[in-house]
Amino acid sequence: ELIFKTLQTYSDGEVVGWIEEPIEGGAEPEHPAQVLKLEDSEQGHGATSDNEESNEFELESDSVSPVLVFVSIGLGAVALLVGVIALIKKK
């Protein structure tokens, strides 16, 4: 296990320490440190995180329509163009 302790500074100057190590079998701390668990690759798991369950999803290659991909890219390009034009006009 690798534990990553972090200090987060907010814009108002408040500093929050995400440094509390989890206690096995205990309640989750108020400001837990991020924990990376490494497992033997022979078990077929690889690296996992404590919050893996909430971030885990499976995306099959056939589940996304190519049309949807191109429409999304097109809308993103239009939004970028509108943003650039707005910045130019603002000056």
C-alpha atoms as a PDB file:
ATOM      1  CA  GLU A   1       0.000   0.000   0.000  1.00  0.00           C
ATOM      2  CA  LEU A   2       1.167   3.509  -0.816  1.00  0.00           C
ATOM      3  CA  ILE A   3      -0.385   6.354   1.166  1.00  0.00           C
ATOM      4  CA  PHE A   4      -0.424   9.834  -0.380  1.00  0.00           C
ATOM      5  CA  LYS A   5      -0.899  12.572   2.208  1.00  0.00           C
ATOM      6  CA  THR A   6      -1.977  15.926   0.754  1.00  0.00           C
ATOM      7  CA  LEU A   7      -2.478  19.486   1.963  1.00  0.00           C
ATOM      8  CA  GLN A   8      -5.219  21.421   0.146  1.00  0.00           C
ATOM      9  CA  THR A   9      -5.195  25.229   0.320  1.00  0.00           C
ATOM     10  CA  TYR A  10      -8.445  27.042  -0.449  1.00  0.00           C
ATOM     11  CA  SER A  11      -8.697  30.545  -1.929  1.00  0.00           C
ATOM     12  CA  ASP A  12      -9.584  31.992   1.500  1.00  0.00           C
ATOM     13  CA  GLY A  13      -6.306  30.653   2.928  1.00  0.00           C
ATOM     14  CA  GLU A  14      -7.821  27.696   4.792  1.00  0.00           C
ATOM     15  CA  VAL A  15      -5.585  24.612   4.654  1.00  0.00           C
ATOM     16  CA  VAL A  16      -7.067  21.121   4.968  1.00  0.00           C
ATOM     17  CA  GLY A  17      -4.780  18.158   5.524  1.00  0.00           C
ATOM     18  CA  TRP A  18      -5.940  14.988   3.775  1.00  0.00           C
ATOM     19  CA  ILE A  19      -3.464  13.030   5.875  1.00  0.00           C
ATOM     20  CA  GLU A  20      -5.450  10.664   8.090  1.00  0.00           C
ATOM     21  CA  GLU A  21      -4.572   7.030   7.456  1.00  0.00           C
ATOM     22  CA  PRO A  22      -7.486   4.591   7.294  1.00  0.00           C
ATOM     23  CA  ILE A  23      -7.776   2.062  10.110  1.00  0.00           C
ATOM     24  CA  GLU A  24      -8.678  -1.412   8.908  1.00  0.00           C
ATOM     25  CA  GLY A  25     -12.136  -2.303  10.165  1.00  0.00           C
ATOM     26  CA  GLY A  26     -12.678   1.218  11.528  1.00  0.00           C
ATOM     27  CA  ALA A  27     -14.788   4.133  10.368  1.00  0.00           C
ATOM     28  CA  GLU A  28     -13.520   6.256   7.479  1.00  0.00           C
ATOM     29  CA  PRO A  29     -11.587   9.315   8.711  1.00  0.00           C
ATOM     30  CA  GLU A  30     -12.955  12.815   8.117  1.00  0.00           C
ATOM     31  CA  HIS A  31      -9.957  13.777   5.927  1.00  0.00           C
ATOM     32  CA  PRO A  32      -8.552  10.463   4.608  1.00  0.00           C
ATOM     33  CA  ALA A  33      -5.270  10.232   2.714  1.00  0.00           C
ATOM     34  CA  GLN A  34      -5.434   8.617  -0.733  1.00  0.00           C
ATOM     35  CA  VAL A  35      -4.359   4.953  -0.587  1.00  0.00           C
ATOM     36  CA  LEU A  36      -3.063   2.998  -3.564  1.00  0.00           C
ATOM     37  CA  LYS A  37      -3.010  -0.765  -3.113  1.00  0.00           C
ATOM     38  CA  LEU A  38      -0.706  -2.831  -5.294  1.00  0.00           C
ATOM     39  CA  GLU A  39      -1.497  -6.499  -5.700  1.00  0.00           C
ATOM     40  CA  ASP A  40       0.368  -9.367  -7.309  1.00  0.00           C
ATOM     41  CA  SER A  41      -0.295  -9.408 -11.056  1.00  0.00           C
ATOM     42  CA  GLU A  42      -0.732 -13.201 -10.963  1.00  0.00           C
ATOM     43  CA  GLN A  43      -4.007 -12.601  -9.136  1.00  0.00           C
ATOM     44  CA  GLY A  44      -5.248 -10.628 -12.126  1.00  0.00           C
ATOM     45  CA  HIS A  45      -6.006  -7.422 -10.215  1.00  0.00           C
ATOM     46  CA  GLY A  46      -3.081  -5.029 -10.648  1.00  0.00           C
ATOM     47  CA  ALA A  47      -3.321  -1.627  -8.961  1.00  0.00           C
ATOM     48  CA  THR A  48      -6.486  -0.649  -7.141  1.00  0.00           C
ATOM     49  CA  SER A  49      -7.662   2.337  -5.142  1.00  0.00           C
ATOM     50  CA  ASP A  50      -9.775   2.531  -1.977  1.00  0.00           C
ATOM     51  CA  ASN A  51     -12.565   4.226  -3.925  1.00  0.00           C
ATOM     52  CA  GLU A  52     -12.310   1.853  -6.881  1.00  0.00           C
ATOM     53  CA  GLU A  53     -15.876   0.639  -6.551  1.00  0.00           C
ATOM     54  CA  SER A  54     -17.370   4.110  -7.063  1.00  0.00           C
ATOM     55  CA  ASN A  55     -15.176   4.890 -10.086  1.00  0.00           C
ATOM     56  CA  GLU A  56     -15.386   1.538 -11.814  1.00  0.00           C
ATOM     57  CA  PHE A  57     -17.285   1.157 -15.055  1.00  0.00           C
ATOM     58  CA  GLU A  58     -16.950  -0.938 -18.145  1.00  0.00           C
ATOM     59  CA  LEU A  59     -17.179   0.477 -21.651  1.00  0.00           C
ATOM     60  CA  GLU A  60     -17.526  -1.950 -24.499  1.00  0.00           C
ATOM     61  CA  SER A  61     -16.191  -0.853 -27.863  1.00  0.00           C
ATOM     62  CA  ASP A  62     -19.552  -1.444 -29.579  1.00  0.00           C
ATOM     63  CA  SER A  63     -21.564   0.508 -26.994  1.00  0.00           C
ATOM     64  CA  VAL A  64     -20.701   3.982 -28.386  1.00  0.00           C
ATOM     65  CA  SER A  65     -22.097   4.883 -31.775  1.00  0.00           C
ATOM     66  CA  PRO A  66     -19.580   6.406 -34.233  1.00  0.00           C
ATOM     67  CA  VAL A  67     -22.237   9.002 -35.118  1.00  0.00           C
ATOM     68  CA  LEU A  68     -22.414  10.061 -31.469  1.00  0.00           C
ATOM     69  CA  VAL A  69     -18.620  10.420 -31.371  1.00  0.00           C
ATOM     70  CA  PHE A  70     -18.560  12.683 -34.453  1.00  0.00           C
ATOM     71  CA  VAL A  71     -21.504  14.760 -33.218  1.00  0.00           C
ATOM     72  CA  SER A  72     -19.746  15.250 -29.858  1.00  0.00           C
ATOM     73  CA  ILE A  73     -16.514  16.296 -31.549  1.00  0.00           C
ATOM     74  CA  GLY A  74     -18.430  18.676 -33.808  1.00  0.00           C
ATOM     75  CA  LEU A  75     -20.254  20.303 -30.891  1.00  0.00           C
ATOM     76  CA  GLY A  76     -16.976  20.676 -29.026  1.00  0.00           C
ATOM     77  CA  ALA A  77     -15.394  22.367 -32.057  1.00  0.00           C
ATOM     78  CA  VAL A  78     -18.357  24.766 -32.385  1.00  0.00           C
ATOM     79  CA  ALA A  79     -18.153  25.630 -28.675  1.00  0.00           C
ATOM     80  CA  LEU A  80     -14.421  26.293 -29.007  1.00  0.00           C
ATOM     81  CA  LEU A  81     -15.008  28.519 -32.037  1.00  0.00           C
ATOM     82  CA  VAL A  82     -17.714  30.512 -30.227  1.00  0.00           C
ATOM     83  CA  GLY A  83     -15.387  30.958 -27.234  1.00  0.00           C
ATOM     84  CA  VAL A  84     -12.527  32.209 -29.403  1.00  0.00           C
ATOM     85  CA  ILE A  85     -14.825  34.651 -31.227  1.00  0.00           C
ATOM     86  CA  ALA A  86     -16.146  35.957 -27.891  1.00  0.00           C
ATOM     87  CA  LEU A  87     -12.595  36.538 -26.632  1.00  0.00           C
ATOM     88  CA  ILE A  88     -11.626  38.379 -29.830  1.00  0.00           C
ATOM     89  CA  LYS A  89     -14.714  40.621 -29.689  1.00  0.00           C
ATOM     90  CA  LYS A  90     -14.130  41.375 -26.007  1.00  0.00           C
ATOM     91  CA  LYS A  91     -10.762  42.980 -26.788  1.00  0.00           C
END
